[in-house]
Amino acid sequence: MSTDEIQGQLIDKMVKIRRCAAVVKGGRRFSFAAMVVVGDGQGKVGWGYGKANEVPPAVEKAVKDGSRKMIAVHMEGTSIPHTVTGEYGAAKVVLAPGAPGTGVIAGAAVRAVCEACGLKDVLTKSFGSNNPINLVKAAFNALEQLRSPSEVERLRGVSLT
């Protein structure tokens, strides 16, 4: 379900391909929708969704869409600075920092997000819906909530020493 391709420094991982059938006069006409996670492996990651009549163009559209809307993720070495929870619809994802050497402990959808981002030591748990598209969006919601210690100090107006 997940493929790796490096296109000029970008890693893209296919999360899900959906097939839709429209019933027409001569039978069924199929179209495809692809969900892809794109990242540079160094703290930038995005997701894209593309639809077309064939699979390869749908994946290309998704990669293009994902590379357009990449976000920067605050990382601490190969992990994240603190535990965060992201939600999207009925999907809920908890991301927790892991000790060096832990690896990415995650299901397929959240693993794709973490690996494309460049996270190597992170623990995850998903609750609620197991829809891969909603899990990816919930993981992005969690990653957007990450703050560096210096940013927390600035926002709170206190020193965290």
N, C-alpha and C. Protein backbone atom coordinates (compact mmCIF):
# COMPACT_ATOMS: atom_id res chain seq x y z
N MET A 1 0.80 -1.20 0.00
CA MET A 1 0.00 0.00 0.00
C MET A 1 0.84 1.25 0.00
N SER A 2 2.08 1.18 0.43
CA SER A 2 2.88 2.39 0.52
C SER A 2 4.11 2.25 -0.36
N THR A 3 4.37 3.22 -1.21
CA THR A 3 5.51 3.18 -2.10
C THR A 3 6.44 4.33 -1.80
N ASP A 4 7.72 4.14 -2.05
CA ASP A 4 8.71 5.18 -1.83
C ASP A 4 9.29 5.58 -3.17
N GLU A 5 9.34 6.86 -3.43
CA GLU A 5 10.01 7.38 -4.61
C GLU A 5 10.67 8.68 -4.22
N ILE A 6 11.91 8.85 -4.62
CA ILE A 6 12.57 10.11 -4.35
C ILE A 6 12.61 10.90 -5.64
N GLN A 7 11.96 12.06 -5.64
CA GLN A 7 11.91 12.92 -6.81
C GLN A 7 12.60 14.22 -6.45
N GLY A 8 13.87 14.33 -6.79
CA GLY A 8 14.59 15.57 -6.51
C GLY A 8 14.47 15.98 -5.06
N GLN A 9 14.88 15.13 -4.15
CA GLN A 9 14.89 15.36 -2.70
C GLN A 9 13.55 15.14 -2.02
N LEU A 10 12.46 14.96 -2.74
CA LEU A 10 11.17 14.75 -2.09
C LEU A 10 10.84 13.26 -2.02
N ILE A 11 10.37 12.83 -0.86
CA ILE A 11 9.96 11.45 -0.65
C ILE A 11 8.43 11.44 -0.74
N ASP A 12 7.87 10.57 -1.57
CA ASP A 12 6.40 10.47 -1.56
C ASP A 12 5.99 9.06 -1.23
N LYS A 13 5.01 8.95 -0.34
CA LYS A 13 4.50 7.66 0.10
C LYS A 13 3.00 7.62 -0.17
N MET A 14 2.61 6.61 -0.93
CA MET A 14 1.19 6.45 -1.24
C MET A 14 0.48 5.85 -0.02
N VAL A 15 -0.58 6.50 0.42
CA VAL A 15 -1.32 6.05 1.59
C VAL A 15 -2.53 5.22 1.17
N LYS A 16 -3.27 5.70 0.18
CA LYS A 16 -4.52 5.02 -0.19
C LYS A 16 -4.89 5.35 -1.63
N ILE A 17 -5.37 4.33 -2.33
CA ILE A 17 -5.96 4.55 -3.65
C ILE A 17 -7.40 4.06 -3.58
N ARG A 18 -8.31 4.93 -3.96
CA ARG A 18 -9.73 4.57 -3.95
C ARG A 18 -10.24 4.50 -5.38
N ARG A 19 -11.10 3.52 -5.61
CA ARG A 19 -11.70 3.35 -6.94
C ARG A 19 -13.18 3.70 -6.84
N CYS A 20 -13.64 4.49 -7.78
CA CYS A 20 -15.06 4.88 -7.83
C CYS A 20 -15.63 4.38 -9.15
N ALA A 21 -16.83 3.84 -9.12
CA ALA A 21 -17.46 3.33 -10.34
C ALA A 21 -18.71 4.14 -10.65
N ALA A 22 -18.78 4.66 -11.87
CA ALA A 22 -19.98 5.34 -12.34
C ALA A 22 -20.64 4.41 -13.36
N VAL A 23 -21.90 4.12 -13.14
CA VAL A 23 -22.60 3.23 -14.05
C VAL A 23 -23.10 4.05 -15.24
N VAL A 24 -22.63 3.67 -16.43
CA VAL A 24 -23.01 4.36 -17.66
C VAL A 24 -23.66 3.36 -18.61
N LYS A 25 -24.07 3.84 -19.76
CA LYS A 25 -24.80 3.03 -20.72
C LYS A 25 -24.07 1.73 -21.08
N GLY A 26 -22.77 1.79 -21.28
CA GLY A 26 -22.02 0.60 -21.69
C GLY A 26 -21.48 -0.24 -20.56
N GLY A 27 -21.80 0.09 -19.33
CA GLY A 27 -21.28 -0.68 -18.18
C GLY A 27 -20.82 0.26 -17.08
N ARG A 28 -19.65 -0.03 -16.51
CA ARG A 28 -19.12 0.80 -15.43
C ARG A 28 -17.91 1.57 -15.91
N ARG A 29 -17.82 2.84 -15.52
CA ARG A 29 -16.64 3.65 -15.80
C ARG A 29 -15.96 3.92 -14.47
N PHE A 30 -14.68 3.53 -14.36
CA PHE A 30 -13.95 3.67 -13.10
C PHE A 30 -13.11 4.94 -13.09
N SER A 31 -13.04 5.55 -11.93
CA SER A 31 -12.11 6.66 -11.72
C SER A 31 -11.37 6.37 -10.42
N PHE A 32 -10.23 7.03 -10.22
CA PHE A 32 -9.38 6.73 -9.08
C PHE A 32 -9.02 7.99 -8.31
N ALA A 33 -8.93 7.85 -7.00
CA ALA A 33 -8.50 8.94 -6.13
C ALA A 33 -7.31 8.43 -5.33
N ALA A 34 -6.25 9.23 -5.26
CA ALA A 34 -5.03 8.82 -4.55
C ALA A 34 -4.70 9.80 -3.43
N MET A 35 -4.32 9.26 -2.28
CA MET A 35 -3.86 10.07 -1.15
C MET A 35 -2.37 9.79 -0.98
N VAL A 36 -1.54 10.83 -1.04
CA VAL A 36 -0.09 10.69 -0.99
C VAL A 36 0.47 11.65 0.07
N VAL A 37 1.47 11.18 0.81
CA VAL A 37 2.19 12.03 1.76
C VAL A 37 3.55 12.34 1.15
N VAL A 38 3.92 13.63 1.13
CA VAL A 38 5.17 14.08 0.52
C VAL A 38 6.01 14.77 1.58
N GLY A 39 7.31 14.45 1.63
CA GLY A 39 8.19 15.11 2.60
C GLY A 39 9.61 15.16 2.11
N ASP A 40 10.42 15.99 2.77
CA ASP A 40 11.83 16.09 2.39
C ASP A 40 12.72 15.29 3.34
N GLY A 41 12.15 14.65 4.35
CA GLY A 41 12.92 13.85 5.29
C GLY A 41 13.70 14.68 6.28
N GLN A 42 13.46 16.00 6.28
CA GLN A 42 14.21 16.89 7.18
C GLN A 42 13.28 17.90 7.87
N GLY A 43 12.05 17.49 8.14
CA GLY A 43 11.16 18.36 8.90
C GLY A 43 10.09 19.06 8.11
N LYS A 44 9.99 18.82 6.81
CA LYS A 44 8.90 19.39 6.02
C LYS A 44 8.07 18.26 5.43
N VAL A 45 6.75 18.39 5.55
CA VAL A 45 5.87 17.32 5.09
C VAL A 45 4.52 17.91 4.66
N GLY A 46 3.88 17.26 3.70
CA GLY A 46 2.57 17.69 3.22
C GLY A 46 1.79 16.49 2.70
N TRP A 47 0.48 16.65 2.61
CA TRP A 47 -0.34 15.57 2.05
C TRP A 47 -1.10 16.12 0.85
N GLY A 48 -1.34 15.24 -0.11
CA GLY A 48 -2.05 15.64 -1.31
C GLY A 48 -3.07 14.60 -1.72
N TYR A 49 -4.10 15.08 -2.40
CA TYR A 49 -5.18 14.22 -2.85
C TYR A 49 -5.41 14.51 -4.33
N GLY A 50 -5.38 13.48 -5.16
CA GLY A 50 -5.56 13.68 -6.59
C GLY A 50 -6.55 12.69 -7.17
N LYS A 51 -7.35 13.14 -8.13
CA LYS A 51 -8.34 12.27 -8.76
C LYS A 51 -8.15 12.29 -10.27
N ALA A 52 -8.26 11.11 -10.88
CA ALA A 52 -8.14 11.01 -12.34
C ALA A 52 -8.77 9.70 -12.80
N ASN A 53 -8.81 9.50 -14.13
CA ASN A 53 -9.41 8.28 -14.68
C ASN A 53 -8.46 7.09 -14.62
N GLU A 54 -7.17 7.32 -14.41
CA GLU A 54 -6.18 6.26 -14.26
C GLU A 54 -5.39 6.50 -12.98
N VAL A 55 -4.72 5.45 -12.48
CA VAL A 55 -3.99 5.57 -11.21
C VAL A 55 -2.76 6.48 -11.32
N PRO A 56 -1.85 6.30 -12.30
CA PRO A 56 -0.64 7.15 -12.32
C PRO A 56 -0.92 8.66 -12.36
N PRO A 57 -1.86 9.14 -13.19
CA PRO A 57 -2.14 10.58 -13.15
C PRO A 57 -2.72 11.04 -11.81
N ALA A 58 -3.51 10.18 -11.18
CA ALA A 58 -4.07 10.53 -9.86
C ALA A 58 -2.95 10.69 -8.85
N VAL A 59 -1.95 9.78 -8.89
CA VAL A 59 -0.82 9.86 -7.97
C VAL A 59 0.02 11.11 -8.26
N GLU A 60 0.24 11.41 -9.53
CA GLU A 60 1.00 12.62 -9.90
C GLU A 60 0.32 13.88 -9.38
N LYS A 61 -1.01 13.96 -9.55
CA LYS A 61 -1.76 15.11 -9.06
C LYS A 61 -1.65 15.23 -7.54
N ALA A 62 -1.72 14.08 -6.86
CA ALA A 62 -1.63 14.08 -5.40
C ALA A 62 -0.26 14.55 -4.93
N VAL A 63 0.81 14.10 -5.62
CA VAL A 63 2.18 14.51 -5.26
C VAL A 63 2.34 16.02 -5.46
N LYS A 64 1.80 16.52 -6.57
CA LYS A 64 1.88 17.95 -6.86
C LYS A 64 1.13 18.75 -5.80
N ASP A 65 -0.05 18.27 -5.42
CA ASP A 65 -0.86 18.92 -4.40
C ASP A 65 -0.15 18.91 -3.05
N GLY A 66 0.45 17.77 -2.72
CA GLY A 66 1.15 17.63 -1.43
C GLY A 66 2.39 18.50 -1.34
N SER A 67 3.13 18.62 -2.45
CA SER A 67 4.34 19.44 -2.41
C SER A 67 4.01 20.92 -2.33
N ARG A 68 2.80 21.30 -2.74
CA ARG A 68 2.36 22.70 -2.64
C ARG A 68 2.05 23.11 -1.21
N LYS A 69 1.47 22.18 -0.44
CA LYS A 69 1.02 22.56 0.91
C LYS A 69 1.81 21.84 2.00
N MET A 70 3.14 22.01 1.95
CA MET A 70 4.00 21.40 2.96
C MET A 70 4.08 22.30 4.19
N ILE A 71 4.20 21.66 5.36
CA ILE A 71 4.35 22.40 6.61
C ILE A 71 5.70 22.05 7.23
N ALA A 72 6.22 22.96 8.02
CA ALA A 72 7.47 22.71 8.76
C ALA A 72 7.11 22.13 10.12
N VAL A 73 7.83 21.07 10.52
CA VAL A 73 7.57 20.39 11.79
C VAL A 73 8.73 20.65 12.73
N HIS A 74 8.41 21.03 13.98
CA HIS A 74 9.46 21.25 14.98
C HIS A 74 9.95 19.89 15.46
N MET A 75 11.22 19.61 15.19
CA MET A 75 11.80 18.33 15.59
C MET A 75 12.90 18.56 16.62
N GLU A 76 13.12 17.55 17.43
CA GLU A 76 14.21 17.58 18.41
C GLU A 76 15.09 16.38 18.10
N GLY A 77 16.10 16.58 17.27
CA GLY A 77 16.92 15.47 16.81
C GLY A 77 16.11 14.63 15.84
N THR A 78 15.92 13.36 16.19
CA THR A 78 15.14 12.47 15.32
C THR A 78 13.74 12.21 15.88
N SER A 79 13.37 12.99 16.91
CA SER A 79 12.07 12.79 17.55
C SER A 79 11.32 14.13 17.62
N ILE A 80 10.25 14.15 18.41
CA ILE A 80 9.47 15.36 18.59
C ILE A 80 9.69 15.89 20.01
N PRO A 81 9.49 17.21 20.24
CA PRO A 81 9.79 17.78 21.55
C PRO A 81 8.85 17.34 22.67
N HIS A 82 7.58 17.08 22.37
CA HIS A 82 6.62 16.72 23.43
C HIS A 82 5.46 15.92 22.84
N THR A 83 4.63 15.38 23.70
CA THR A 83 3.47 14.59 23.27
C THR A 83 2.36 15.51 22.76
N VAL A 84 1.75 15.13 21.65
CA VAL A 84 0.64 15.91 21.08
C VAL A 84 -0.48 14.98 20.63
N THR A 85 -1.69 15.53 20.59
CA THR A 85 -2.86 14.78 20.13
C THR A 85 -3.51 15.56 19.00
N GLY A 86 -3.78 14.85 17.90
CA GLY A 86 -4.45 15.48 16.76
C GLY A 86 -5.75 14.78 16.47
N GLU A 87 -6.74 15.54 16.02
CA GLU A 87 -8.04 14.96 15.70
C GLU A 87 -8.49 15.44 14.34
N TYR A 88 -9.16 14.57 13.63
CA TYR A 88 -9.84 14.93 12.40
C TYR A 88 -11.03 14.00 12.26
N GLY A 89 -12.22 14.56 12.27
CA GLY A 89 -13.41 13.72 12.22
C GLY A 89 -13.44 12.80 13.44
N ALA A 90 -13.64 11.51 13.21
CA ALA A 90 -13.66 10.54 14.31
C ALA A 90 -12.29 9.94 14.56
N ALA A 91 -11.28 10.35 13.78
CA ALA A 91 -9.93 9.82 13.94
C ALA A 91 -9.16 10.66 14.94
N LYS A 92 -8.44 10.00 15.83
CA LYS A 92 -7.63 10.68 16.84
C LYS A 92 -6.27 10.02 16.86
N VAL A 93 -5.20 10.81 16.82
CA VAL A 93 -3.84 10.29 16.79
C VAL A 93 -3.03 10.94 17.90
N VAL A 94 -2.33 10.13 18.69
CA VAL A 94 -1.44 10.63 19.74
C VAL A 94 -0.01 10.34 19.29
N LEU A 95 0.84 11.37 19.28
CA LEU A 95 2.25 11.23 18.95
C LEU A 95 3.06 11.54 20.20
N ALA A 96 4.00 10.64 20.54
CA ALA A 96 4.83 10.83 21.72
C ALA A 96 6.29 10.67 21.33
N PRO A 97 7.19 11.44 21.96
CA PRO A 97 8.61 11.31 21.65
C PRO A 97 9.14 9.94 22.08
N GLY A 98 10.07 9.40 21.30
CA GLY A 98 10.68 8.12 21.62
C GLY A 98 12.16 8.31 21.90
N ALA A 99 12.72 7.40 22.68
CA ALA A 99 14.15 7.43 22.96
C ALA A 99 14.93 7.08 21.69
N PRO A 100 16.17 7.56 21.56
CA PRO A 100 16.95 7.22 20.36
C PRO A 100 17.04 5.70 20.16
N GLY A 101 16.77 5.26 18.94
CA GLY A 101 16.78 3.83 18.63
C GLY A 101 15.43 3.17 18.71
N THR A 102 14.39 3.92 19.11
CA THR A 102 13.04 3.35 19.24
C THR A 102 12.47 2.96 17.88
N GLY A 103 12.67 3.82 16.88
CA GLY A 103 12.07 3.60 15.57
C GLY A 103 10.70 4.24 15.52
N VAL A 104 10.02 4.05 14.40
CA VAL A 104 8.67 4.60 14.23
C VAL A 104 7.68 3.50 14.57
N ILE A 105 7.01 3.67 15.70
CA ILE A 105 5.99 2.70 16.13
C ILE A 105 4.65 3.29 15.72
N ALA A 106 4.13 2.85 14.56
CA ALA A 106 2.89 3.44 14.04
C ALA A 106 2.26 2.52 13.02
N GLY A 107 0.98 2.76 12.75
CA GLY A 107 0.29 2.05 11.69
C GLY A 107 0.71 2.61 10.34
N ALA A 108 0.21 2.04 9.27
CA ALA A 108 0.66 2.40 7.92
C ALA A 108 0.47 3.88 7.59
N ALA A 109 -0.70 4.45 7.87
CA ALA A 109 -0.99 5.83 7.48
C ALA A 109 -0.13 6.82 8.27
N VAL A 110 -0.07 6.68 9.57
CA VAL A 110 0.71 7.60 10.41
C VAL A 110 2.20 7.37 10.19
N ARG A 111 2.61 6.14 9.94
CA ARG A 111 4.02 5.83 9.65
C ARG A 111 4.48 6.57 8.40
N ALA A 112 3.63 6.62 7.37
CA ALA A 112 3.98 7.33 6.14
C ALA A 112 4.25 8.80 6.43
N VAL A 113 3.43 9.42 7.28
CA VAL A 113 3.62 10.83 7.64
C VAL A 113 4.94 11.01 8.38
N CYS A 114 5.20 10.16 9.37
CA CYS A 114 6.41 10.28 10.19
C CYS A 114 7.67 10.07 9.36
N GLU A 115 7.67 9.06 8.50
CA GLU A 115 8.86 8.76 7.70
C GLU A 115 9.12 9.84 6.66
N ALA A 116 8.07 10.37 6.03
CA ALA A 116 8.25 11.44 5.04
C ALA A 116 8.77 12.71 5.70
N CYS A 117 8.38 12.91 6.95
CA CYS A 117 8.81 14.09 7.70
C CYS A 117 10.28 13.97 8.14
N GLY A 118 10.74 12.76 8.35
CA GLY A 118 12.11 12.55 8.82
C GLY A 118 12.18 12.13 10.27
N LEU A 119 11.04 11.90 10.90
CA LEU A 119 11.03 11.42 12.29
C LEU A 119 11.48 9.97 12.32
N LYS A 120 12.41 9.66 13.22
CA LYS A 120 12.93 8.30 13.30
C LYS A 120 12.57 7.61 14.61
N ASP A 121 12.34 8.39 15.66
CA ASP A 121 12.04 7.83 16.98
C ASP A 121 10.76 8.47 17.52
N VAL A 122 9.65 7.81 17.27
CA VAL A 122 8.36 8.36 17.72
C VAL A 122 7.39 7.21 17.99
N LEU A 123 6.58 7.38 19.04
CA LEU A 123 5.56 6.41 19.40
C LEU A 123 4.21 7.01 19.03
N THR A 124 3.32 6.22 18.45
CA THR A 124 2.01 6.74 18.07
C THR A 124 0.92 5.76 18.49
N LYS A 125 -0.26 6.31 18.65
CA LYS A 125 -1.44 5.48 18.92
C LYS A 125 -2.62 6.17 18.26
N SER A 126 -3.42 5.39 17.53
CA SER A 126 -4.61 5.97 16.91
C SER A 126 -5.86 5.42 17.60
N PHE A 127 -6.85 6.30 17.72
CA PHE A 127 -8.12 5.95 18.35
C PHE A 127 -9.25 6.30 17.41
N GLY A 128 -10.40 5.67 17.61
CA GLY A 128 -11.58 6.02 16.81
C GLY A 128 -11.50 5.40 15.43
N SER A 129 -11.71 6.23 14.42
CA SER A 129 -11.77 5.77 13.05
C SER A 129 -10.42 5.22 12.58
N ASN A 130 -10.46 4.18 11.75
CA ASN A 130 -9.21 3.66 11.17
C ASN A 130 -9.13 4.00 9.68
N ASN A 131 -9.88 5.01 9.25
CA ASN A 131 -9.85 5.48 7.87
C ASN A 131 -8.49 6.14 7.63
N PRO A 132 -7.66 5.60 6.70
CA PRO A 132 -6.30 6.12 6.51
C PRO A 132 -6.25 7.60 6.13
N ILE A 133 -7.23 8.07 5.38
CA ILE A 133 -7.23 9.48 4.97
C ILE A 133 -7.45 10.39 6.19
N ASN A 134 -8.39 10.03 7.05
CA ASN A 134 -8.63 10.82 8.25
C ASN A 134 -7.48 10.68 9.24
N LEU A 135 -6.82 9.52 9.29
CA LEU A 135 -5.67 9.35 10.18
C LEU A 135 -4.52 10.26 9.75
N VAL A 136 -4.28 10.38 8.45
CA VAL A 136 -3.22 11.27 7.95
C VAL A 136 -3.54 12.71 8.34
N LYS A 137 -4.79 13.12 8.15
CA LYS A 137 -5.17 14.49 8.49
C LYS A 137 -5.07 14.74 10.00
N ALA A 138 -5.40 13.74 10.81
CA ALA A 138 -5.27 13.87 12.27
C ALA A 138 -3.80 13.96 12.66
N ALA A 139 -2.93 13.19 12.00
CA ALA A 139 -1.49 13.25 12.27
C ALA A 139 -0.95 14.64 11.93
N PHE A 140 -1.41 15.22 10.83
CA PHE A 140 -0.98 16.57 10.47
C PHE A 140 -1.47 17.58 11.49
N ASN A 141 -2.69 17.39 11.98
CA ASN A 141 -3.22 18.27 13.02
C ASN A 141 -2.34 18.22 14.26
N ALA A 142 -1.86 17.03 14.60
CA ALA A 142 -0.97 16.88 15.76
C ALA A 142 0.39 17.54 15.49
N LEU A 143 0.96 17.32 14.31
CA LEU A 143 2.28 17.89 14.00
C LEU A 143 2.24 19.42 13.99
N GLU A 144 1.11 20.00 13.60
CA GLU A 144 0.98 21.46 13.59
C GLU A 144 0.97 22.04 15.00
N GLN A 145 0.68 21.22 16.01
CA GLN A 145 0.62 21.69 17.39
C GLN A 145 1.98 21.66 18.09
N LEU A 146 2.99 21.07 17.45
CA LEU A 146 4.31 20.97 18.08
C LEU A 146 4.94 22.35 18.24
N ARG A 147 5.55 22.58 19.40
CA ARG A 147 6.22 23.84 19.69
C ARG A 147 7.61 23.54 20.24
N SER A 148 8.57 24.36 19.86
CA SER A 148 9.92 24.22 20.42
C SER A 148 9.93 24.85 21.81
N PRO A 149 10.86 24.44 22.69
CA PRO A 149 10.91 25.03 24.04
C PRO A 149 11.06 26.56 24.01
N SER A 150 11.86 27.07 23.08
CA SER A 150 12.05 28.53 23.00
C SER A 150 10.74 29.23 22.60
N GLU A 151 9.95 28.60 21.73
CA GLU A 151 8.68 29.18 21.32
C GLU A 151 7.69 29.19 22.47
N VAL A 152 7.69 28.12 23.29
CA VAL A 152 6.81 28.05 24.46
C VAL A 152 7.19 29.14 25.45
N GLU A 153 8.51 29.34 25.68
CA GLU A 153 8.97 30.40 26.57
C GLU A 153 8.49 31.76 26.08
N ARG A 154 8.61 32.01 24.78
CA ARG A 154 8.22 33.29 24.21
C ARG A 154 6.71 33.51 24.35
N LEU A 155 5.91 32.46 24.06
CA LEU A 155 4.46 32.60 24.13
C LEU A 155 3.95 32.80 25.56
N ARG A 156 4.57 32.11 26.50
CA ARG A 156 4.14 32.21 27.90
C ARG A 156 4.77 33.39 28.63
N GLY A 157 5.89 33.88 28.11
CA GLY A 157 6.60 34.97 28.78
C GLY A 157 7.31 34.54 30.03
N VAL A 158 7.73 33.26 30.08
CA VAL A 158 8.45 32.73 31.26
C VAL A 158 9.68 31.97 30.78
N SER A 159 10.54 31.62 31.71
CA SER A 159 11.74 30.84 31.39
C SER A 159 11.54 29.39 31.81
N LEU A 160 11.81 28.46 30.91
CA LEU A 160 11.63 27.03 31.21
C LEU A 160 12.98 26.38 31.52
N THR A 161 13.62 26.83 32.59
CA THR A 161 14.93 26.24 32.95
C THR A 161 14.83 25.38 34.18
